[in-house]
Amino acid sequence: MNQADSASGKSKSAILRWASGLTIIALAALSAWLYSPDKPRDLLETPYPGEYRIIESVRLRLRDTGPRNAPAIVLLHGFGSSLDTWEPWAKALSARYRVIRFDLPGFGMTGPDPKNDYSDERAVRIIAGLLDQLGIKRAHIIGNSLGGRIAWTFAASQPERTARLVLISPDGFASPGFEYGKAPEIPLIMQALPYVTPRSMLKANLAAAYARPEKLSEATLGRYHDMMLAPGVRRAILARMKQTVLRDPKPTLARITAPTLLLWGDKDGMIPVSNAADYLAQIPGATLVHLPGLGHVPFEEDPAKSLQPVQTFLAQETP
């Protein structure tokens, strides 16, 4: 290499070092601009009310509405959500049923599980413990997505406590990136979740759950963002993801004895309606209702339309 080439090489190295330095500075500045600290609990408790009970050492935020002597319903929300997602359904159902909904451990105002255990088995114990505290022997169990997986796990392991089962686009079967017996790989960018959670990024993710993204209101987006920023929730979300190890659900689903309704938006872009065939093949006597023009969270997108088949199904219960 001659002197000119050597000088050129040094020049390029210097330029690269400068570029790298500027990139680091730019990323640091961007991170500082996007930095989203947890919100203090006292700022969230007023806009998101509820009562609290200690179940299995977890301080659960819940709401319990409707006549105390009426048939009970337990509503289980999906990943990243909270009990508030059920509000329109809960208001309608509370005229006839005792409606219980709560923030699953690791989400919403319940926050992190002190035992850092986000397994479905622990969720089942928490539901059973909550029913015990509330003096409820048997309930209808309704769950969406992650909550759907917990719902069918509960129904299989606690058949005597499950009156009827409603699964709204439930999770549970393997899919790309989620293999049986193996924890999923967490993208590196997800490690920044506890520090950076832009409202715009959350909006893009939530819009995918709607068949008509324009139905995602600013109020709903704001609530999801607040619940994501609740103390410790984002770290708990990462812990849950790392602990998620799917097992072949067929043996568990086959043990379900409760009458079961599958409710699925035919425009669900997160868990496609074609997955319903797997559940119909495994759950004895299960039936499927398609929801035309709706997505993954039909109870938010069109509460009245999506609730009607559920009310019909629950009314079939033998007194």
Protein backbone atom coordinates (compact mmCIF):
# COMPACT_ATOMS: atom_id res chain seq x y z
CA MET A 1 0.00 0.00 0.00
CA ASN A 2 1.46 3.39 -0.98
CA GLN A 3 1.28 6.51 1.15
CA ALA A 4 -1.76 7.81 -0.73
CA ASP A 5 -3.62 4.55 -0.17
CA SER A 6 -2.59 4.55 3.49
CA ALA A 7 -3.81 8.10 3.95
CA SER A 8 -7.04 7.23 2.18
CA GLY A 9 -7.54 4.22 4.47
CA LYS A 10 -6.96 6.31 7.58
CA SER A 11 -9.38 8.90 6.23
CA LYS A 12 -12.06 6.29 5.67
CA SER A 13 -11.48 4.86 9.16
CA ALA A 14 -11.81 8.31 10.68
CA ILE A 15 -14.99 8.93 8.73
CA LEU A 16 -16.43 5.61 9.91
CA ARG A 17 -15.53 6.40 13.49
CA TRP A 18 -17.19 9.79 13.20
CA ALA A 19 -20.24 8.24 11.57
CA SER A 20 -20.48 5.60 14.29
CA GLY A 21 -20.14 8.24 16.97
CA LEU A 22 -22.81 10.41 15.41
CA THR A 23 -25.10 7.40 15.07
CA ILE A 24 -24.70 6.58 18.75
CA ILE A 25 -25.39 10.20 19.68
CA ALA A 26 -28.43 10.28 17.39
CA LEU A 27 -29.77 7.01 18.82
CA ALA A 28 -29.18 8.25 22.36
CA ALA A 29 -31.02 11.48 21.57
CA LEU A 30 -33.86 9.54 19.91
CA SER A 31 -34.11 7.20 22.90
CA ALA A 32 -34.22 10.14 25.30
CA TRP A 33 -36.96 11.73 23.20
CA LEU A 34 -38.97 8.49 23.06
CA TYR A 35 -38.26 7.43 26.65
CA SER A 36 -41.49 6.37 28.32
CA PRO A 37 -41.18 5.85 32.09
CA ASP A 38 -43.80 3.98 34.08
CA LYS A 39 -46.73 6.11 35.20
CA PRO A 40 -47.24 6.50 38.95
CA ARG A 41 -50.00 4.23 40.23
CA ASP A 42 -51.88 7.08 41.91
CA LEU A 43 -52.34 8.78 38.52
CA LEU A 44 -53.97 5.65 37.09
CA GLU A 45 -56.25 4.53 39.90
CA THR A 46 -58.82 7.31 39.40
CA PRO A 47 -59.39 6.90 35.65
CA TYR A 48 -59.22 3.09 35.94
CA PRO A 49 -61.18 2.15 39.07
CA GLY A 50 -61.63 -1.27 40.55
CA GLU A 51 -61.50 -3.21 43.75
CA TYR A 52 -58.47 -5.22 44.81
CA ARG A 53 -58.17 -8.71 46.25
CA ILE A 54 -55.13 -10.77 47.17
CA ILE A 55 -55.31 -14.11 45.36
CA GLU A 56 -52.35 -16.50 45.43
CA SER A 57 -50.18 -13.57 46.65
CA VAL A 58 -51.21 -11.46 43.61
CA ARG A 59 -53.04 -8.17 44.18
CA LEU A 60 -55.72 -8.44 41.51
CA ARG A 61 -57.62 -5.44 40.21
CA LEU A 62 -61.16 -6.52 39.40
CA ARG A 63 -64.70 -5.33 38.82
CA ASP A 64 -67.70 -7.32 40.01
CA THR A 65 -71.07 -6.10 38.74
CA GLY A 66 -74.60 -7.38 38.38
CA PRO A 67 -76.92 -9.20 40.81
CA ARG A 68 -74.99 -11.25 43.37
CA ASN A 69 -77.43 -14.17 43.16
CA ALA A 70 -77.36 -14.32 39.34
CA PRO A 71 -75.36 -16.83 37.24
CA ALA A 72 -71.74 -15.71 37.17
CA ILE A 73 -69.56 -14.88 34.16
CA VAL A 74 -65.77 -14.53 34.23
CA LEU A 75 -64.24 -12.47 31.41
CA LEU A 76 -60.55 -13.01 30.55
CA HIS A 77 -58.82 -10.41 28.38
CA GLY A 78 -56.05 -10.90 25.83
CA PHE A 79 -52.35 -10.08 25.69
CA GLY A 80 -51.48 -6.48 26.58
CA SER A 81 -55.06 -5.66 27.50
CA SER A 82 -57.00 -5.15 30.73
CA LEU A 83 -60.44 -5.68 32.23
CA ASP A 84 -61.56 -2.38 30.66
CA THR A 85 -61.69 -4.01 27.24
CA TRP A 86 -64.95 -5.72 28.32
CA GLU A 87 -66.79 -2.62 29.50
CA PRO A 88 -69.52 -2.52 26.79
CA TRP A 89 -70.23 -6.24 27.18
CA ALA A 90 -70.11 -6.04 30.97
CA LYS A 91 -72.69 -3.25 31.06
CA ALA A 92 -75.09 -5.24 28.89
CA LEU A 93 -74.54 -8.59 30.63
CA SER A 94 -74.77 -7.17 34.16
CA ALA A 95 -78.52 -6.78 33.81
CA ARG A 96 -78.89 -10.56 33.98
CA TYR A 97 -75.57 -11.96 35.18
CA ARG A 98 -72.96 -11.38 37.84
CA VAL A 99 -70.01 -10.26 35.71
CA ILE A 100 -66.46 -10.57 37.00
CA ARG A 101 -63.48 -9.28 35.04
CA PHE A 102 -59.95 -8.65 36.23
CA ASP A 103 -56.52 -7.64 35.00
CA LEU A 104 -54.53 -10.82 34.47
CA PRO A 105 -51.21 -10.91 36.37
CA GLY A 106 -48.58 -8.99 34.45
CA PHE A 107 -51.11 -6.62 32.88
CA GLY A 108 -53.03 -3.48 33.76
CA MET A 109 -53.32 -2.36 37.35
CA THR A 110 -52.75 -5.86 38.68
CA GLY A 111 -49.16 -5.51 37.51
CA PRO A 112 -46.33 -8.00 37.98
CA ASP A 113 -46.78 -11.35 39.69
CA PRO A 114 -44.57 -11.28 42.82
CA LYS A 115 -43.63 -14.89 42.08
CA ASN A 116 -42.80 -14.02 38.45
CA ASP A 117 -44.89 -17.00 37.32
CA TYR A 118 -46.94 -16.35 34.21
CA SER A 119 -47.86 -19.94 33.42
CA ASP A 120 -51.40 -20.92 32.44
CA GLU A 121 -51.48 -23.29 35.41
CA ARG A 122 -50.95 -20.39 37.79
CA ALA A 123 -53.66 -18.41 36.02
CA VAL A 124 -56.06 -21.33 36.55
CA ARG A 125 -55.25 -21.39 40.28
CA ILE A 126 -55.84 -17.64 40.49
CA ILE A 127 -59.25 -17.91 38.79
CA ALA A 128 -60.25 -20.74 41.13
CA GLY A 129 -59.01 -18.78 44.15
CA LEU A 130 -60.95 -15.71 43.07
CA LEU A 131 -64.15 -17.72 42.66
CA ASP A 132 -63.58 -19.18 46.12
CA GLN A 133 -63.19 -15.72 47.68
CA LEU A 134 -66.32 -14.47 45.90
CA GLY A 135 -68.32 -17.51 46.99
CA ILE A 136 -68.98 -18.65 43.40
CA LYS A 137 -69.10 -22.40 42.83
CA ARG A 138 -69.64 -22.37 39.06
CA ALA A 139 -69.36 -19.78 36.29
CA HIS A 140 -69.49 -19.21 32.57
CA ILE A 141 -65.94 -18.64 31.36
CA ILE A 142 -65.29 -16.28 28.43
CA GLY A 143 -61.82 -15.54 27.08
CA ASN A 144 -60.20 -13.78 24.15
CA SER A 145 -56.84 -14.68 22.57
CA LEU A 146 -54.41 -15.33 25.48
CA GLY A 147 -57.44 -15.18 27.77
CA GLY A 148 -59.07 -17.77 25.51
CA ARG A 149 -56.16 -20.14 26.07
CA ILE A 150 -56.42 -19.65 29.80
CA ALA A 151 -60.20 -20.13 29.57
CA TRP A 152 -60.00 -23.49 27.81
CA THR A 153 -57.21 -24.61 30.16
CA PHE A 154 -59.45 -23.75 33.13
CA ALA A 155 -62.46 -25.53 31.59
CA ALA A 156 -60.42 -28.69 31.05
CA SER A 157 -58.92 -28.75 34.54
CA GLN A 158 -61.96 -27.44 36.45
CA PRO A 159 -64.96 -28.96 34.63
CA GLU A 160 -67.15 -28.87 37.74
CA ARG A 161 -66.70 -25.09 37.95
CA THR A 162 -67.29 -24.33 34.26
CA ALA A 163 -70.92 -23.92 33.22
CA ARG A 164 -70.44 -22.75 29.62
CA LEU A 165 -67.31 -21.79 27.70
CA VAL A 166 -66.96 -19.00 25.12
CA LEU A 167 -63.68 -18.75 23.22
CA ILE A 168 -63.12 -15.62 21.15
CA SER A 169 -60.31 -16.25 18.63
CA PRO A 170 -58.37 -18.21 21.27
CA ASP A 171 -54.63 -18.79 21.30
CA GLY A 172 -53.01 -22.18 21.84
CA PHE A 173 -51.99 -23.98 18.66
CA ALA A 174 -48.48 -23.68 17.24
CA SER A 175 -47.82 -21.00 14.64
CA PRO A 176 -44.72 -19.52 12.96
CA GLY A 177 -42.38 -18.46 15.75
CA PHE A 178 -44.33 -20.36 18.40
CA GLU A 179 -43.40 -24.04 18.39
CA TYR A 180 -44.49 -26.67 20.86
CA GLY A 181 -42.08 -27.24 23.71
CA LYS A 182 -39.92 -24.25 22.92
CA ALA A 183 -39.95 -20.68 24.22
CA PRO A 184 -40.19 -18.14 21.39
CA GLU A 185 -37.22 -16.02 20.43
CA ILE A 186 -37.73 -12.49 21.69
CA PRO A 187 -36.67 -9.91 19.08
CA LEU A 188 -33.83 -7.73 20.29
CA ILE A 189 -35.89 -4.60 19.76
CA MET A 190 -38.43 -5.92 22.28
CA GLN A 191 -35.80 -5.60 25.01
CA ALA A 192 -36.30 -1.84 24.75
CA LEU A 193 -40.00 -2.17 25.63
CA PRO A 194 -39.58 -1.20 29.31
CA TYR A 195 -38.01 2.09 28.24
CA VAL A 196 -39.52 3.02 24.88
CA THR A 197 -43.24 2.60 24.16
CA PRO A 198 -44.34 5.29 21.70
CA ARG A 199 -48.08 5.79 21.40
CA SER A 200 -47.70 5.70 17.59
CA MET A 201 -46.06 2.25 17.69
CA LEU A 202 -48.79 0.93 19.97
CA LYS A 203 -51.46 2.34 17.65
CA ALA A 204 -49.99 0.48 14.68
CA ASN A 205 -50.02 -2.79 16.64
CA LEU A 206 -53.56 -2.32 17.91
CA ALA A 207 -54.92 -1.31 14.52
CA ALA A 208 -54.00 -4.79 13.26
CA ALA A 209 -56.53 -6.24 15.72
CA TYR A 210 -59.36 -4.37 14.00
CA ALA A 211 -60.95 -5.22 10.67
CA ARG A 212 -61.64 -1.50 10.38
CA PRO A 213 -58.72 0.35 11.98
CA GLU A 214 -60.73 3.58 12.01
CA LYS A 215 -62.85 2.01 14.76
CA LEU A 216 -59.86 2.22 17.12
CA SER A 217 -60.74 5.38 19.05
CA GLU A 218 -58.26 7.74 20.68
CA ALA A 219 -59.84 6.94 24.04
CA THR A 220 -59.25 3.21 23.56
CA LEU A 221 -55.70 3.83 22.36
CA GLY A 222 -55.06 6.05 25.37
CA ARG A 223 -56.31 3.37 27.73
CA TYR A 224 -54.06 0.70 26.19
CA HIS A 225 -51.11 3.08 26.41
CA ASP A 226 -51.83 3.90 30.05
CA MET A 227 -52.12 0.22 30.94
CA MET A 228 -48.84 -0.50 29.16
CA LEU A 229 -47.17 2.20 31.27
CA ALA A 230 -48.62 0.92 34.55
CA PRO A 231 -45.86 0.13 37.06
CA GLY A 232 -43.81 -2.93 36.09
CA VAL A 233 -46.12 -4.10 33.31
CA ARG A 234 -43.67 -3.89 30.42
CA ARG A 235 -41.04 -5.94 32.24
CA ALA A 236 -43.74 -8.44 33.17
CA ILE A 237 -44.73 -8.69 29.51
CA LEU A 238 -41.18 -9.63 28.58
CA ALA A 239 -41.08 -12.19 31.40
CA ARG A 240 -44.36 -13.71 30.20
CA MET A 241 -43.10 -13.95 26.63
CA LYS A 242 -39.92 -15.72 27.77
CA GLN A 243 -41.97 -18.19 29.81
CA THR A 244 -44.48 -19.01 27.07
CA VAL A 245 -43.90 -22.62 26.07
CA LEU A 246 -46.82 -24.05 24.12
CA ARG A 247 -47.83 -27.68 24.46
CA ASP A 248 -49.94 -29.62 22.01
CA PRO A 249 -53.43 -28.59 23.16
CA LYS A 250 -55.30 -31.58 21.74
CA PRO A 251 -55.27 -33.77 24.89
CA THR A 252 -56.38 -30.82 27.04
CA LEU A 253 -59.14 -29.68 24.67
CA ALA A 254 -60.50 -33.23 24.50
CA ARG A 255 -61.18 -33.12 28.27
CA ILE A 256 -63.54 -30.14 28.02
CA THR A 257 -67.09 -31.12 28.93
CA ALA A 258 -68.76 -27.70 29.07
CA PRO A 259 -70.89 -26.58 26.11
CA THR A 260 -68.52 -24.47 24.03
CA LEU A 261 -69.02 -21.58 21.63
CA LEU A 262 -66.25 -20.40 19.34
CA LEU A 263 -66.65 -16.77 18.28
CA TRP A 264 -64.40 -15.54 15.48
CA GLY A 265 -64.17 -12.39 13.40
CA ASP A 266 -63.77 -13.43 9.78
CA LYS A 267 -61.32 -10.54 9.26
CA ASP A 268 -59.11 -11.50 12.20
CA GLY A 269 -55.57 -10.70 11.10
CA MET A 270 -53.90 -11.97 14.28
CA ILE A 271 -55.34 -15.47 14.69
CA PRO A 272 -57.17 -16.33 11.46
CA VAL A 273 -60.63 -17.86 11.52
CA SER A 274 -59.24 -20.92 9.72
CA ASN A 275 -57.77 -21.94 13.11
CA ALA A 276 -61.30 -22.58 14.34
CA ALA A 277 -61.24 -25.96 12.59
CA ASP A 278 -58.57 -27.18 15.03
CA TYR A 279 -60.79 -26.40 18.02
CA LEU A 280 -63.94 -27.82 16.44
CA ALA A 281 -62.08 -31.07 15.80
CA GLN A 282 -60.95 -31.40 19.43
CA ILE A 283 -63.65 -29.93 21.70
CA PRO A 284 -66.65 -32.27 21.89
CA GLY A 285 -69.80 -30.59 20.60
CA ALA A 286 -68.25 -27.16 20.07
CA THR A 287 -70.00 -24.76 17.70
CA LEU A 288 -68.63 -21.85 15.68
CA VAL A 289 -70.18 -18.46 14.97
CA HIS A 290 -68.49 -16.26 12.37
CA LEU A 291 -68.58 -12.51 12.86
CA PRO A 292 -68.58 -10.95 9.38
CA GLY A 293 -66.45 -7.86 8.96
CA LEU A 294 -64.88 -8.00 12.43
CA GLY A 295 -61.35 -8.62 13.65
CA HIS A 296 -59.53 -9.95 16.71
CA VAL A 297 -61.34 -7.89 19.38
CA PRO A 298 -64.98 -7.86 18.19
CA PHE A 299 -66.25 -6.82 21.65
CA GLU A 300 -64.39 -3.51 21.14
CA GLU A 301 -64.99 -3.10 17.43
CA ASP A 302 -68.74 -3.79 17.48
CA PRO A 303 -69.95 -4.68 20.99
CA ALA A 304 -73.64 -5.10 20.16
CA LYS A 305 -73.14 -7.27 17.07
CA SER A 306 -70.58 -9.53 18.72
CA LEU A 307 -72.49 -9.95 21.99
CA GLN A 308 -75.75 -11.16 20.46
CA PRO A 309 -74.64 -14.76 19.73
CA VAL A 310 -73.06 -14.96 23.19
CA GLN A 311 -76.31 -13.94 24.89
CA THR A 312 -78.20 -16.53 22.84
CA PHE A 313 -75.67 -19.21 23.78
CA LEU A 314 -75.70 -18.39 27.50
CA ALA A 315 -79.50 -18.31 27.61
CA GLN A 316 -79.55 -21.98 26.62
CA GLU A 317 -78.28 -22.96 30.06
CA THR A 318 -80.60 -25.29 31.90
CA PRO A 319 -81.84 -23.54 35.07
